[in-house]
Amino acid sequence: MLFYEPLFLTCFPFLLVLYFAAGDARSKRWILLTGSGLFYLWGEPLFVPVVVVSALVDHLLALRIARTPNAATRRALLTLGVVQNLAILVIYKYTSFAIESLNLLLAAGRLGALPLWQIALPIGVSFVAFEKITYLVDSYRGVSKPARRFSDYCLFVFFFPKLLAGPILKYHEIDGQIAAPRGFAWNDFGYGLLRFSRGIFKKLMIADPLGGYADQVFGADPAGLSAATAWFGVACFTLQIYFDFSGYSDMAIGIARMLGFSLRENFNLPYIARSITDFWRRWHISLTTWIRDYLYIPLGGNRVSDLVTTRNLWICFLLSGLWHGASWNFVLWGAYNGLFLTLDRLFLERALKRSGAVVATLLTLLIVMIGWVIFRSPSAAHLGSFFAALAGLGQSTTTLTPAASVIWTAALGAALSLIPALPGFAALRAAWQGGAVLRLAGNIGLGLLGIVAIARAVAIPFQPFIYFRF
């Protein structure tokens, strides 16, 4: 179920009323858990029992880990919990990819191919698995206490605003909010509604129109593309993926705040980054911090030799690429980012700092855009031909003239992404925040844009969020 579907927009107000009309915390939790379960059942009915059983295993293991003094036993219990969560992820997400890759090797040896398993990928399976692993590891480390009740842990797992595409949460970040849900507050509701409006505007008024043109460019034969068409297609996808994913995060944060829950931020103006290291501090923050806390640091982080640190970076980003999708293109995209993070450590970040803010931002954005080509291309064969088109080696036989609305939308998206990097933006933002009239006008304008976006959602076919595939 999408946040801007008529069904959701009809049901959510009823959930709000029931939730805040409940007189005690226990009733609030059960109303929210029921609503979250129905929300996920609507889109993934067959996967819900799997998650519930897996969550019960998590909960029992976490309780046992907390009560067991023996270090070896605790590690064994943690390993069991992590393996059962990874098994779900591997079975649903990577089985077909593994068989396809094996069949390529079998074909090279002129051996028979294995039959493919047709397993539907549940929406948000990667996000669910990572959060459940986080719960077990934090229980093992003593960072989080096990949930007081199994229903509390299920609410953490199924909490519907963040369920399908994050932000990725840690149990201790939301434990207190689950234990003592806040009552209705106009400040929370107003902030949440405006944040939701911002998100739906990003998704429906910027990401979707640009995505339509990007799909045309990446779906065409790259050998026939001109350099201008190929580069504009890349620019459209660069803006699409940012406004699509950050739009979802805004909607999730906004819906949660209307319910009285505060979720962590997931984006911080990534396209004004001045190095790839800076970019990954700003992009999908909940994932990058997860990789840092649960993979990079346990591998040794940067507390080891430069060679081992470089190895750790590559392991993390190769796995990050694979997390994004079961395709060698995603693995290559992870390797590409690992390469530039390594170059940052060696010399590139220092060189970019010396080059000045404008040059550093533009070069970083160029590196990111080339990475998005790897991310978006449907196959390795397509990737090579597309890079040839970017270099001007295409034959310019395919005509994909963008509509004026697409050009203006791209200009708007670029302005919203890059204007915060201008020197006077901080002063302008401070003046806006300090002026009650300006702030009121801005909030009214944002609310109206949200209404326009909802009207557009009713009028056009639904387009799922990009990260629903992951």
Protein backbone atom coordinates (compact mmCIF):
# COMPACT_ATOMS: atom_id res chain seq x y z
CA MET A 1 0.00 0.00 0.00
CA LEU A 2 1.38 3.40 -0.98
CA PHE A 3 1.12 6.39 1.36
CA TYR A 4 -0.67 8.43 -1.29
CA GLU A 5 -3.15 5.77 -2.42
CA PRO A 6 -6.80 6.74 -1.82
CA LEU A 7 -7.22 3.66 0.38
CA PHE A 8 -4.39 4.75 2.71
CA LEU A 9 -5.53 8.38 2.75
CA THR A 10 -9.00 7.15 3.70
CA CYS A 11 -7.92 4.65 6.38
CA PHE A 12 -5.14 6.62 8.07
CA PRO A 13 -7.45 9.30 9.61
CA PHE A 14 -9.55 6.52 11.18
CA LEU A 15 -6.40 4.97 12.64
CA LEU A 16 -5.39 8.36 14.05
CA VAL A 17 -8.77 8.84 15.70
CA LEU A 18 -8.80 5.33 17.20
CA TYR A 19 -5.19 5.64 18.33
CA PHE A 20 -5.58 8.95 20.16
CA ALA A 21 -9.01 8.06 21.50
CA ALA A 22 -7.48 5.05 23.29
CA GLY A 23 -7.21 5.78 26.98
CA ASP A 24 -4.06 3.89 27.89
CA ALA A 25 -0.67 2.96 26.44
CA ARG A 26 -1.53 -0.73 26.08
CA SER A 27 -4.56 0.03 23.90
CA LYS A 28 -2.54 2.46 21.81
CA ARG A 29 0.14 -0.17 21.19
CA TRP A 30 -2.38 -2.81 20.13
CA ILE A 31 -4.24 -0.41 17.82
CA LEU A 32 -0.97 0.57 16.19
CA LEU A 33 0.24 -3.02 15.93
CA THR A 34 -3.06 -4.11 14.37
CA GLY A 35 -2.99 -1.24 11.90
CA SER A 36 0.63 -1.96 11.00
CA GLY A 37 -0.11 -5.65 10.50
CA LEU A 38 -3.06 -4.92 8.23
CA PHE A 39 -0.95 -2.40 6.29
CA TYR A 40 1.67 -5.04 5.49
CA LEU A 41 -0.89 -7.82 4.99
CA TRP A 42 -2.47 -5.74 2.24
CA GLY A 43 0.70 -5.91 0.13
CA GLU A 44 2.52 -9.03 1.39
CA PRO A 45 0.02 -11.50 2.93
CA LEU A 46 2.23 -14.59 2.45
CA PHE A 47 5.33 -13.03 3.98
CA VAL A 48 3.74 -11.85 7.22
CA PRO A 49 3.66 -15.30 8.91
CA VAL A 50 7.35 -15.78 8.01
CA VAL A 51 8.26 -12.48 9.68
CA VAL A 52 6.13 -13.23 12.75
CA VAL A 53 7.78 -16.63 13.29
CA SER A 54 11.22 -15.15 12.69
CA ALA A 55 10.45 -12.31 15.11
CA LEU A 56 9.42 -14.84 17.77
CA VAL A 57 12.77 -16.59 17.32
CA ASP A 58 14.54 -13.20 17.64
CA HIS A 59 12.64 -12.39 20.82
CA LEU A 60 13.34 -15.71 22.51
CA LEU A 61 17.01 -15.60 21.54
CA ALA A 62 17.41 -12.02 22.80
CA LEU A 63 15.89 -12.98 26.17
CA ARG A 64 18.21 -15.97 26.39
CA ILE A 65 21.25 -13.88 25.41
CA ALA A 66 20.47 -11.34 28.13
CA ARG A 67 20.18 -14.07 30.79
CA THR A 68 23.19 -16.16 29.78
CA PRO A 69 26.55 -15.31 31.40
CA ASN A 70 28.62 -17.71 29.31
CA ALA A 71 30.30 -15.78 26.47
CA ALA A 72 30.54 -18.74 24.09
CA THR A 73 26.86 -19.57 24.52
CA ARG A 74 25.87 -15.95 23.96
CA ARG A 75 27.89 -15.83 20.73
CA ALA A 76 26.30 -19.07 19.56
CA LEU A 77 22.80 -17.73 20.23
CA LEU A 78 23.63 -14.49 18.41
CA THR A 79 25.02 -16.42 15.45
CA LEU A 80 21.86 -18.53 15.28
CA GLY A 81 19.69 -15.41 15.24
CA VAL A 82 21.74 -13.61 12.60
CA VAL A 83 21.86 -16.73 10.40
CA GLN A 84 18.10 -17.25 10.50
CA ASN A 85 17.51 -13.63 9.45
CA LEU A 86 20.13 -13.78 6.70
CA ALA A 87 18.61 -17.07 5.53
CA ILE A 88 15.27 -15.35 4.95
CA LEU A 89 17.00 -12.56 3.04
CA VAL A 90 19.06 -14.95 0.92
CA ILE A 91 16.17 -17.29 0.10
CA TYR A 92 13.78 -14.56 -0.98
CA LYS A 93 16.21 -12.13 -2.57
CA TYR A 94 19.25 -13.99 -3.86
CA THR A 95 18.19 -17.53 -4.77
CA SER A 96 17.34 -16.73 -8.40
CA PHE A 97 20.47 -14.57 -8.76
CA ALA A 98 22.67 -17.37 -7.41
CA ILE A 99 21.13 -19.94 -9.76
CA GLU A 100 21.45 -17.60 -12.76
CA SER A 101 25.12 -16.97 -11.95
CA LEU A 102 25.75 -20.70 -11.51
CA ASN A 103 24.03 -21.41 -14.83
CA LEU A 104 26.47 -19.06 -16.57
CA LEU A 105 29.33 -21.18 -15.25
CA LEU A 106 27.54 -24.38 -16.23
CA ALA A 107 26.95 -23.01 -19.73
CA ALA A 108 30.63 -22.16 -20.06
CA GLY A 109 31.40 -25.80 -19.23
CA ARG A 110 28.64 -26.99 -21.59
CA LEU A 111 26.67 -28.48 -18.75
CA GLY A 112 22.91 -28.45 -18.24
CA ALA A 113 21.28 -25.48 -16.57
CA LEU A 114 19.53 -25.63 -13.21
CA PRO A 115 15.85 -24.66 -13.09
CA LEU A 116 15.19 -21.16 -11.77
CA TRP A 117 13.17 -20.68 -8.60
CA GLN A 118 10.38 -18.17 -9.10
CA ILE A 119 10.24 -16.56 -5.66
CA ALA A 120 8.40 -13.26 -5.30
CA LEU A 121 10.50 -10.62 -3.54
CA PRO A 122 8.57 -9.27 -0.53
CA ILE A 123 8.51 -5.49 -0.28
CA GLY A 124 10.99 -4.15 2.27
CA VAL A 125 12.55 -7.54 3.07
CA SER A 126 16.06 -6.06 3.29
CA PHE A 127 14.98 -3.33 5.70
CA VAL A 128 13.12 -5.84 7.90
CA ALA A 129 16.08 -8.23 8.01
CA PHE A 130 18.58 -5.50 8.91
CA GLU A 131 16.44 -4.14 11.74
CA LYS A 132 15.93 -7.60 13.19
CA ILE A 133 19.67 -8.31 13.07
CA THR A 134 20.27 -4.95 14.77
CA TYR A 135 17.96 -5.95 17.63
CA LEU A 136 19.89 -9.17 18.27
CA VAL A 137 23.35 -7.59 18.03
CA ASP A 138 22.38 -4.70 20.33
CA SER A 139 20.93 -7.17 22.84
CA TYR A 140 24.20 -9.10 22.71
CA ARG A 141 26.27 -5.93 23.17
CA GLY A 142 24.06 -4.68 26.01
CA VAL A 143 23.10 -1.56 24.04
CA SER A 144 19.42 -2.55 24.08
CA LYS A 145 17.48 -4.56 26.59
CA PRO A 146 15.22 -7.23 25.11
CA ALA A 147 11.66 -6.10 24.48
CA ARG A 148 9.40 -6.31 27.51
CA ARG A 149 6.74 -8.08 25.49
CA PHE A 150 6.74 -9.94 22.20
CA SER A 151 3.99 -7.58 20.99
CA ASP A 152 6.32 -4.61 21.60
CA TYR A 153 9.00 -6.20 19.45
CA CYS A 154 6.44 -6.97 16.73
CA LEU A 155 5.39 -3.32 16.76
CA PHE A 156 9.03 -2.34 16.25
CA VAL A 157 9.32 -4.75 13.31
CA PHE A 158 5.97 -3.94 11.67
CA PHE A 159 5.70 -0.20 12.50
CA PHE A 160 4.15 0.75 9.19
CA PRO A 161 5.61 4.22 8.43
CA LYS A 162 9.16 2.87 8.14
CA LEU A 163 8.33 -0.75 7.28
CA LEU A 164 8.72 -0.72 3.50
CA ALA A 165 11.78 1.48 2.90
CA GLY A 166 13.16 2.72 6.19
CA PRO A 167 14.67 4.67 7.82
CA ILE A 168 16.38 1.64 9.37
CA LEU A 169 15.83 1.89 13.14
CA LYS A 170 17.52 0.46 16.18
CA TYR A 171 15.24 -0.92 18.88
CA HIS A 172 16.61 1.30 21.64
CA GLU A 173 15.81 4.38 19.51
CA ILE A 174 12.09 3.63 19.64
CA ASP A 175 11.73 1.43 22.73
CA GLY A 176 10.74 4.30 25.02
CA GLN A 177 8.26 5.64 22.49
CA ILE A 178 6.62 2.22 22.23
CA ALA A 179 6.48 1.83 26.01
CA ALA A 180 4.88 5.25 26.57
CA PRO A 181 3.15 6.50 23.40
CA ARG A 182 2.62 10.24 23.36
CA GLY A 183 -0.85 11.72 23.34
CA PHE A 184 -2.14 13.99 20.62
CA ALA A 185 -0.18 17.23 20.21
CA TRP A 186 -0.89 19.91 17.64
CA ASN A 187 2.82 20.60 17.22
CA ASP A 188 3.51 16.97 16.36
CA PHE A 189 0.52 16.75 14.06
CA GLY A 190 1.31 20.02 12.27
CA TYR A 191 4.97 19.16 11.78
CA GLY A 192 4.10 15.66 10.60
CA LEU A 193 1.50 16.90 8.12
CA LEU A 194 3.92 19.42 6.61
CA ARG A 195 6.69 16.82 6.45
CA PHE A 196 4.29 14.43 4.71
CA SER A 197 3.33 17.18 2.25
CA ARG A 198 6.98 17.80 1.47
CA GLY A 199 7.54 14.12 0.83
CA ILE A 200 4.54 13.61 -1.41
CA PHE A 201 5.50 16.72 -3.40
CA LYS A 202 9.02 15.34 -3.92
CA LYS A 203 7.70 11.98 -5.04
CA LEU A 204 4.79 12.92 -7.26
CA MET A 205 5.76 16.33 -8.62
CA ILE A 206 9.51 15.80 -9.15
CA ALA A 207 10.59 12.16 -8.96
CA ASP A 208 7.81 10.56 -11.02
CA PRO A 209 7.87 12.97 -14.02
CA LEU A 210 11.66 12.73 -14.21
CA GLY A 211 11.51 8.97 -13.76
CA GLY A 212 9.31 8.63 -16.83
CA TYR A 213 11.93 10.25 -19.04
CA ALA A 214 14.81 8.38 -17.35
CA ASP A 215 13.00 5.11 -18.05
CA GLN A 216 12.77 6.02 -21.73
CA VAL A 217 16.49 6.82 -21.95
CA PHE A 218 17.69 3.74 -20.07
CA GLY A 219 15.15 1.56 -21.86
CA ALA A 220 16.32 2.61 -25.33
CA ASP A 221 19.15 1.05 -27.30
CA PRO A 222 22.14 3.03 -25.97
CA ALA A 223 23.95 2.72 -29.31
CA GLY A 224 21.41 5.13 -30.79
CA LEU A 225 21.58 7.78 -28.07
CA SER A 226 23.29 11.12 -28.47
CA ALA A 227 25.56 12.32 -25.69
CA ALA A 228 23.11 15.10 -24.77
CA THR A 229 20.20 12.67 -24.47
CA ALA A 230 22.23 10.18 -22.44
CA TRP A 231 23.52 12.83 -20.03
CA PHE A 232 20.08 14.36 -19.57
CA GLY A 233 18.69 10.90 -18.87
CA VAL A 234 21.38 10.40 -16.21
CA ALA A 235 20.56 13.80 -14.69
CA CYS A 236 16.87 12.88 -14.56
CA PHE A 237 17.59 9.58 -12.81
CA THR A 238 20.02 11.30 -10.41
CA LEU A 239 17.24 13.65 -9.34
CA GLN A 240 14.56 10.95 -9.48
CA ILE A 241 16.25 8.56 -7.07
CA TYR A 242 16.99 11.32 -4.57
CA PHE A 243 13.52 12.88 -4.57
CA ASP A 244 11.85 9.46 -4.68
CA PHE A 245 13.73 8.00 -1.73
CA SER A 246 14.00 11.16 0.37
CA GLY A 247 10.32 11.75 -0.41
CA TYR A 248 9.47 8.35 1.10
CA SER A 249 11.61 9.14 4.14
CA ASP A 250 9.84 12.49 4.57
CA MET A 251 6.45 10.80 4.37
CA ALA A 252 7.48 8.07 6.82
CA ILE A 253 8.89 10.60 9.30
CA GLY A 254 5.81 12.79 8.89
CA ILE A 255 3.29 9.97 9.42
CA ALA A 256 5.21 8.73 12.45
CA ARG A 257 5.32 12.25 13.95
CA MET A 258 1.55 12.62 13.51
CA LEU A 259 1.31 9.50 15.69
CA GLY A 260 3.73 11.02 18.21
CA PHE A 261 6.84 9.04 17.16
CA SER A 262 10.16 10.64 16.24
CA LEU A 263 12.22 8.78 13.63
CA ARG A 264 15.82 9.47 12.66
CA GLU A 265 16.66 11.54 9.59
CA ASN A 266 17.74 9.65 6.49
CA PHE A 267 19.07 12.38 4.15
CA ASN A 268 21.04 15.58 4.57
CA LEU A 269 21.35 17.34 1.20
CA PRO A 270 23.60 14.68 -0.37
CA TYR A 271 24.16 16.45 -3.69
CA ILE A 272 26.02 19.33 -2.06
CA ALA A 273 28.63 16.87 -0.74
CA ARG A 274 32.26 17.77 -1.43
CA SER A 275 33.66 14.23 -1.55
CA ILE A 276 32.32 10.69 -1.85
CA THR A 277 33.01 10.22 1.87
CA ASP A 278 30.87 13.30 2.56
CA PHE A 279 28.19 12.02 0.19
CA TRP A 280 27.85 8.76 2.11
CA ARG A 281 27.49 10.69 5.37
CA ARG A 282 24.50 12.44 3.81
CA TRP A 283 22.84 9.71 1.68
CA HIS A 284 20.63 6.99 3.23
CA ILE A 285 22.12 7.83 6.62
CA SER A 286 20.39 4.97 8.44
CA LEU A 287 21.98 2.41 6.08
CA THR A 288 25.48 3.90 6.16
CA THR A 289 25.44 4.09 9.96
CA TRP A 290 24.18 0.48 10.03
CA ILE A 291 27.10 -0.61 7.84
CA ARG A 292 29.51 1.35 10.03
CA ASP A 293 28.21 0.01 13.36
CA TYR A 294 27.49 -3.61 12.43
CA LEU A 295 30.02 -4.38 9.70
CA TYR A 296 32.83 -1.84 9.30
CA ILE A 297 33.72 -1.42 13.00
CA PRO A 298 33.49 -5.17 13.81
CA LEU A 299 35.87 -5.79 10.89
CA GLY A 300 38.33 -3.42 12.54
CA GLY A 301 37.23 -0.14 11.01
CA ASN A 302 40.13 2.27 10.63
CA ARG A 303 41.85 1.14 13.84
CA VAL A 304 44.01 -1.25 11.81
CA SER A 305 46.61 -0.88 9.08
CA ASP A 306 45.83 1.14 5.94
CA LEU A 307 45.69 -2.05 3.90
CA VAL A 308 43.17 -3.71 6.22
CA THR A 309 41.14 -0.48 6.44
CA THR A 310 40.95 -0.42 2.64
CA ARG A 311 39.88 -4.06 2.65
CA ASN A 312 37.16 -3.23 5.18
CA LEU A 313 35.84 -0.39 3.01
CA TRP A 314 35.66 -2.65 -0.02
CA ILE A 315 33.92 -5.46 1.86
CA CYS A 316 31.35 -3.03 3.23
CA PHE A 317 30.52 -1.43 -0.08
CA LEU A 318 30.54 -4.65 -2.09
CA LEU A 319 27.99 -6.01 0.38
CA SER A 320 26.12 -2.69 0.32
CA GLY A 321 25.86 -2.99 -3.46
CA LEU A 322 24.60 -6.55 -3.18
CA TRP A 323 22.11 -5.44 -0.50
CA HIS A 324 20.60 -3.03 -3.02
CA GLY A 325 19.81 -5.77 -5.51
CA ALA A 326 20.56 -9.26 -6.72
CA SER A 327 22.55 -8.22 -9.80
CA TRP A 328 26.20 -7.92 -10.74
CA ASN A 329 25.55 -4.30 -11.65
CA PHE A 330 24.84 -3.56 -7.99
CA VAL A 331 28.02 -5.36 -6.95
CA LEU A 332 29.93 -3.27 -9.50
CA TRP A 333 28.26 -0.12 -8.15
CA GLY A 334 29.40 -1.07 -4.65
CA ALA A 335 32.94 -1.65 -5.91
CA TYR A 336 32.85 1.73 -7.68
CA ASN A 337 31.96 3.50 -4.44
CA GLY A 338 34.53 1.46 -2.53
CA LEU A 339 37.17 2.61 -5.03
CA PHE A 340 36.41 6.30 -4.56
CA LEU A 341 36.19 5.97 -0.78
CA THR A 342 39.66 4.40 -0.91
CA LEU A 343 40.90 7.23 -3.15
CA ASP A 344 39.42 9.71 -0.68
CA ARG A 345 41.52 8.20 2.09
CA LEU A 346 44.66 8.21 -0.08
CA PHE A 347 44.50 11.70 -1.60
CA LEU A 348 41.23 12.65 -3.30
CA GLU A 349 39.38 14.18 -0.33
CA ARG A 350 42.34 16.44 0.49
CA ALA A 351 42.68 17.42 -3.17
CA LEU A 352 39.00 18.29 -3.39
CA LYS A 353 39.25 20.47 -0.27
CA ARG A 354 42.09 22.41 -1.86
CA SER A 355 40.13 22.86 -5.10
CA GLY A 356 37.40 24.97 -3.49
CA ALA A 357 33.76 24.34 -2.65
CA VAL A 358 32.33 24.76 -6.17
CA VAL A 359 34.82 22.47 -7.90
CA ALA A 360 34.64 19.88 -5.10
CA THR A 361 30.82 19.80 -5.22
CA LEU A 362 30.65 19.53 -9.01
CA LEU A 363 33.33 16.83 -9.25
CA THR A 364 31.70 14.83 -6.47
CA LEU A 365 28.32 15.14 -8.19
CA LEU A 366 29.88 13.93 -11.45
CA ILE A 367 31.34 10.88 -9.68
CA VAL A 368 27.95 10.17 -8.09
CA MET A 369 26.13 10.51 -11.43
CA ILE A 370 28.47 8.05 -13.13
CA GLY A 371 27.80 5.68 -10.24
CA TRP A 372 24.06 6.06 -10.80
CA VAL A 373 24.58 4.92 -14.40
CA ILE A 374 25.98 1.65 -13.06
CA PHE A 375 23.12 1.44 -10.57
CA ARG A 376 20.37 2.08 -13.13
CA SER A 377 21.61 0.13 -16.16
CA PRO A 378 19.72 -3.16 -16.56
CA SER A 379 22.79 -5.22 -17.52
CA ALA A 380 26.56 -5.13 -17.96
CA ALA A 381 26.17 -5.17 -21.76
CA HIS A 382 23.87 -2.14 -21.60
CA LEU A 383 26.30 -0.40 -19.27
CA GLY A 384 29.21 -0.48 -21.71
CA SER A 385 27.13 0.87 -24.58
CA PHE A 386 25.61 3.57 -22.37
CA PHE A 387 29.03 4.83 -21.31
CA ALA A 388 29.95 4.96 -25.00
CA ALA A 389 26.89 7.15 -25.60
CA LEU A 390 27.91 9.44 -22.72
CA ALA A 391 31.30 9.80 -24.41
CA GLY A 392 29.61 10.89 -27.65
CA LEU A 393 30.14 7.60 -29.48
CA GLY A 394 26.43 6.94 -30.04
CA GLN A 395 24.86 7.27 -33.46
CA SER A 396 22.12 9.73 -32.43
CA THR A 397 19.47 7.72 -34.26
CA THR A 398 17.03 7.56 -31.34
CA THR A 399 14.94 10.68 -30.80
CA LEU A 400 13.88 11.17 -27.19
CA THR A 401 13.04 14.85 -26.95
CA PRO A 402 12.02 15.68 -23.38
CA ALA A 403 8.78 17.57 -22.85
CA ALA A 404 9.09 21.13 -21.61
CA SER A 405 7.55 20.04 -18.31
CA VAL A 406 10.36 17.50 -17.81
CA ILE A 407 13.02 20.16 -18.46
CA TRP A 408 11.41 22.57 -16.01
CA THR A 409 10.98 19.81 -13.41
CA ALA A 410 14.65 18.87 -13.77
CA ALA A 411 15.61 22.52 -13.32
CA LEU A 412 13.48 22.71 -10.17
CA GLY A 413 14.95 19.50 -8.79
CA ALA A 414 18.50 20.69 -9.48
CA ALA A 415 17.80 24.05 -7.83
CA LEU A 416 16.32 22.44 -4.70
CA SER A 417 19.29 20.06 -4.51
CA LEU A 418 22.08 22.57 -5.04
CA ILE A 419 20.87 25.98 -3.78
CA PRO A 420 21.63 25.02 -0.14
CA ALA A 421 25.32 24.98 -1.12
CA LEU A 422 25.27 28.70 -2.03
CA PRO A 423 27.08 31.01 0.43
CA GLY A 424 24.02 33.07 1.40
CA PHE A 425 21.65 30.16 1.94
CA ALA A 426 22.33 29.77 5.67
CA ALA A 427 21.52 33.43 6.31
CA LEU A 428 18.38 33.18 4.16
CA ARG A 429 17.25 30.09 6.06
CA ALA A 430 17.86 31.77 9.41
CA ALA A 431 15.82 34.80 8.32
CA TRP A 432 12.98 32.56 7.20
CA GLN A 433 12.99 30.59 10.45
CA GLY A 434 13.02 33.80 12.48
CA GLY A 435 10.16 35.43 10.59
CA ALA A 436 6.73 34.22 11.74
CA VAL A 437 4.93 35.63 8.69
CA LEU A 438 7.39 34.12 6.21
CA ARG A 439 7.30 30.79 8.01
CA LEU A 440 3.49 30.77 8.00
CA ALA A 441 3.41 31.60 4.29
CA GLY A 442 5.92 28.86 3.57
CA ASN A 443 3.94 26.30 5.55
CA ILE A 444 0.71 27.25 3.77
CA GLY A 445 2.47 26.98 0.42
CA LEU A 446 3.89 23.58 1.33
CA GLY A 447 0.46 22.36 2.39
CA LEU A 448 -1.05 23.51 -0.91
CA LEU A 449 1.70 21.74 -2.85
CA GLY A 450 0.89 18.57 -0.91
CA ILE A 451 -2.78 18.88 -1.88
CA VAL A 452 -1.83 19.34 -5.54
CA ALA A 453 0.42 16.28 -5.34
CA ILE A 454 -2.39 14.17 -3.84
CA ALA A 455 -4.70 15.33 -6.64
CA ARG A 456 -2.09 14.21 -9.16
CA ALA A 457 -1.83 10.83 -7.40
CA VAL A 458 -5.56 10.28 -7.87
CA ALA A 459 -5.38 11.20 -11.56
CA ILE A 460 -2.39 9.10 -12.69
CA PRO A 461 -1.34 5.43 -12.31
CA PHE A 462 0.57 4.59 -9.13
CA GLN A 463 4.33 4.37 -9.43
CA PRO A 464 5.99 2.44 -6.57
CA PHE A 465 8.95 3.90 -4.72
CA ILE A 466 12.31 2.87 -6.16
CA TYR A 467 13.55 1.37 -2.89
CA PHE A 468 10.55 -0.94 -2.60
CA ARG A 469 12.63 -3.31 -4.77
CA PHE A 470 15.30 -3.55 -2.09
